[in-house]
Amino acid sequence: MDVKAAMLNSVEQGQASRVDSMTSQASREHDFAKIKQLSKDFEAVFLEQMLRTMRSSVQKSGLIDGGNAEEIYRSMLDGEYAKIMAGQGTSGLSQMIERQLLQTMGVKSEASEIAAKNNARSAYQKASAATLQPEQKEVKIKAEEARVDRVR
């Protein structure tokens, strides 16, 4: 009977550990989803503040002035624009915040490493292309000057 009890106990412990690993994975995925949402929300707040600042730099004509109601509407409109822009993820701010938060938690995801490598590669290619272009133009100009000198 002790053997049966020990076997049942080990089976129950194995099932319990599987359940624990599944719940810990589910909680990690929930944490990742929270981090993703948090980074998008932060990007939306940042973009809203940027839109507000941009709008305040434009002078009002005074021809058509909606007063306080217009300012409230513009503020709400800027908030919605910011949420839409953050949802599209074109600025890349939320991805950087998400990657930084994951690194702070000690999680290195393959996607973040691949994204970092791709960003570094594209920055290198842009920098090398920018440095090569002036040299190529200079060579072409010198070649044309040499042709002009030969013709004279």
Protein backbone atom coordinates (compact mmCIF):
# COMPACT_ATOMS: atom_id res chain seq x y z
CA MET A 1 0.00 0.00 0.00
CA ASP A 2 2.86 2.35 0.62
CA VAL A 3 4.02 1.81 -2.96
CA LYS A 4 0.58 2.68 -4.32
CA ALA A 5 0.39 5.78 -2.12
CA ALA A 6 3.86 6.85 -3.21
CA MET A 7 3.00 6.35 -6.90
CA LEU A 8 -0.27 8.25 -6.56
CA ASN A 9 1.51 11.00 -4.66
CA SER A 10 4.18 11.32 -7.39
CA VAL A 11 1.49 11.40 -10.12
CA GLU A 12 -0.39 14.10 -8.20
CA GLN A 13 2.82 16.09 -7.76
CA GLY A 14 3.56 15.81 -11.49
CA GLN A 15 0.08 17.03 -12.36
CA ALA A 16 0.36 19.83 -9.83
CA SER A 17 3.70 20.92 -11.29
CA ARG A 18 2.18 20.90 -14.81
CA VAL A 19 -0.72 23.00 -13.57
CA ASP A 20 1.71 25.37 -11.84
CA SER A 21 3.81 25.71 -15.01
CA MET A 22 0.68 26.32 -17.09
CA THR A 23 -0.57 28.99 -14.68
CA SER A 24 2.85 30.61 -14.49
CA GLN A 25 3.04 30.68 -18.30
CA ALA A 26 -0.49 32.09 -18.46
CA SER A 27 0.41 34.75 -15.91
CA ARG A 28 3.59 35.60 -17.87
CA GLU A 29 1.55 35.95 -21.07
CA HIS A 30 -0.91 38.12 -19.15
CA ASP A 31 2.02 40.24 -17.90
CA PHE A 32 3.35 40.55 -21.47
CA ALA A 33 -0.08 41.66 -22.67
CA LYS A 34 -0.22 44.22 -19.86
CA ILE A 35 3.23 45.53 -20.79
CA LYS A 36 2.22 45.80 -24.44
CA GLN A 37 -0.95 47.71 -23.51
CA LEU A 38 0.94 49.92 -21.06
CA SER A 39 3.51 50.86 -23.68
CA LYS A 40 0.77 51.72 -26.20
CA ASP A 41 -1.04 53.80 -23.59
CA PHE A 42 2.17 55.68 -22.78
CA GLU A 43 2.78 56.31 -26.47
CA ALA A 44 -0.77 57.66 -26.78
CA VAL A 45 -0.22 60.05 -23.87
CA PHE A 46 3.06 61.22 -25.40
CA LEU A 47 1.51 61.72 -28.84
CA GLU A 48 -1.46 63.58 -27.34
CA GLN A 49 0.89 65.96 -25.56
CA MET A 50 2.82 66.44 -28.79
CA LEU A 51 -0.38 67.20 -30.73
CA ARG A 52 -1.50 69.67 -28.07
CA THR A 53 1.83 71.46 -28.22
CA MET A 54 1.73 71.56 -32.01
CA ARG A 55 -1.80 72.93 -31.99
CA SER A 56 -0.90 75.62 -29.46
CA SER A 57 1.87 76.88 -31.75
CA VAL A 58 -0.67 77.74 -34.50
CA GLN A 59 -2.11 81.24 -34.22
CA LYS A 60 -5.88 81.61 -34.13
CA SER A 61 -7.36 83.85 -36.77
CA GLY A 62 -10.24 85.09 -34.64
CA LEU A 63 -12.56 84.92 -37.63
CA ILE A 64 -14.27 81.77 -36.43
CA ASP A 65 -13.81 81.18 -32.74
CA GLY A 66 -15.69 78.41 -30.98
CA GLY A 67 -14.59 79.49 -27.53
CA ASN A 68 -14.39 77.03 -24.65
CA ALA A 69 -16.47 74.36 -26.38
CA GLU A 70 -14.09 74.29 -29.33
CA GLU A 71 -11.08 73.91 -27.02
CA ILE A 72 -12.74 70.98 -25.23
CA TYR A 73 -13.61 69.35 -28.55
CA ARG A 74 -10.07 69.89 -29.90
CA SER A 75 -8.62 68.34 -26.74
CA MET A 76 -10.83 65.28 -27.08
CA LEU A 77 -10.05 65.06 -30.79
CA ASP A 78 -6.32 65.20 -30.08
CA GLY A 79 -6.75 62.37 -27.56
CA GLU A 80 -8.53 60.21 -30.14
CA TYR A 81 -5.95 61.01 -32.81
CA ALA A 82 -3.22 60.01 -30.38
CA LYS A 83 -4.94 56.69 -29.57
CA ILE A 84 -5.29 55.90 -33.27
CA MET A 85 -1.68 56.81 -33.98
CA ALA A 86 -0.46 54.72 -31.05
CA GLY A 87 -2.60 51.80 -32.19
CA GLN A 88 -0.97 51.84 -35.61
CA GLY A 89 2.48 51.64 -34.04
CA THR A 90 4.17 53.66 -36.76
CA SER A 91 6.27 55.80 -34.43
CA GLY A 92 8.00 52.80 -32.84
CA LEU A 93 7.89 54.36 -29.39
CA SER A 94 5.69 51.67 -27.85
CA GLN A 95 7.93 48.91 -29.20
CA MET A 96 10.99 50.55 -27.64
CA ILE A 97 9.22 51.00 -24.31
CA GLU A 98 8.00 47.41 -24.39
CA ARG A 99 11.46 46.09 -25.17
CA GLN A 100 12.97 48.17 -22.37
CA LEU A 101 10.39 46.98 -19.84
CA LEU A 102 10.96 43.37 -20.83
CA GLN A 103 14.70 43.80 -20.46
CA THR A 104 14.15 45.38 -17.04
CA MET A 105 12.15 42.30 -16.07
CA GLY A 106 15.03 40.14 -17.29
CA VAL A 107 13.17 38.75 -20.28
CA LYS A 108 14.96 38.71 -23.59
CA SER A 109 12.55 37.75 -26.29
CA GLU A 110 13.71 36.65 -29.70
CA ALA A 111 11.49 39.24 -31.30
CA SER A 112 13.16 42.07 -29.39
CA GLU A 113 16.63 40.81 -30.27
CA ILE A 114 15.69 40.43 -33.94
CA ALA A 115 14.15 43.90 -33.96
CA ALA A 116 17.24 45.40 -32.35
CA LYS A 117 19.49 43.69 -34.91
CA ASN A 118 17.28 44.84 -37.80
CA ASN A 119 17.27 48.41 -36.49
CA ALA A 120 21.04 48.37 -36.14
CA ARG A 121 21.45 46.88 -39.61
CA SER A 122 19.17 49.44 -41.26
CA ALA A 123 20.89 52.31 -39.41
CA TYR A 124 24.27 51.02 -40.58
CA GLN A 125 23.05 50.70 -44.17
CA LYS A 126 21.61 54.22 -44.12
CA ALA A 127 24.82 55.62 -42.65
CA SER A 128 27.04 53.79 -45.11
CA ALA A 129 24.81 54.82 -48.04
CA ALA A 130 24.92 58.45 -46.90
CA THR A 131 28.71 58.42 -46.65
CA LEU A 132 29.15 56.75 -50.05
CA GLN A 133 26.93 59.10 -52.01
CA PRO A 134 29.06 62.26 -51.70
CA GLU A 135 32.20 60.34 -52.71
CA GLN A 136 30.48 58.96 -55.79
CA LYS A 137 29.33 62.43 -56.81
CA GLU A 138 32.83 63.80 -56.31
CA VAL A 139 34.32 61.09 -58.51
CA LYS A 140 31.78 61.84 -61.26
CA ILE A 141 32.55 65.56 -61.11
CA LYS A 142 36.30 64.91 -61.36
CA ALA A 143 35.76 62.58 -64.29
CA GLU A 144 33.69 65.22 -66.10
CA GLU A 145 36.36 67.88 -65.40
CA ALA A 146 38.98 65.57 -66.88
CA ARG A 147 36.87 65.15 -70.02
CA VAL A 148 36.44 68.91 -70.34
CA ASP A 149 40.20 69.42 -69.95
CA ARG A 150 40.92 66.84 -72.68
CA VAL A 151 38.51 68.51 -75.09
CA ARG A 152 40.19 71.91 -74.66
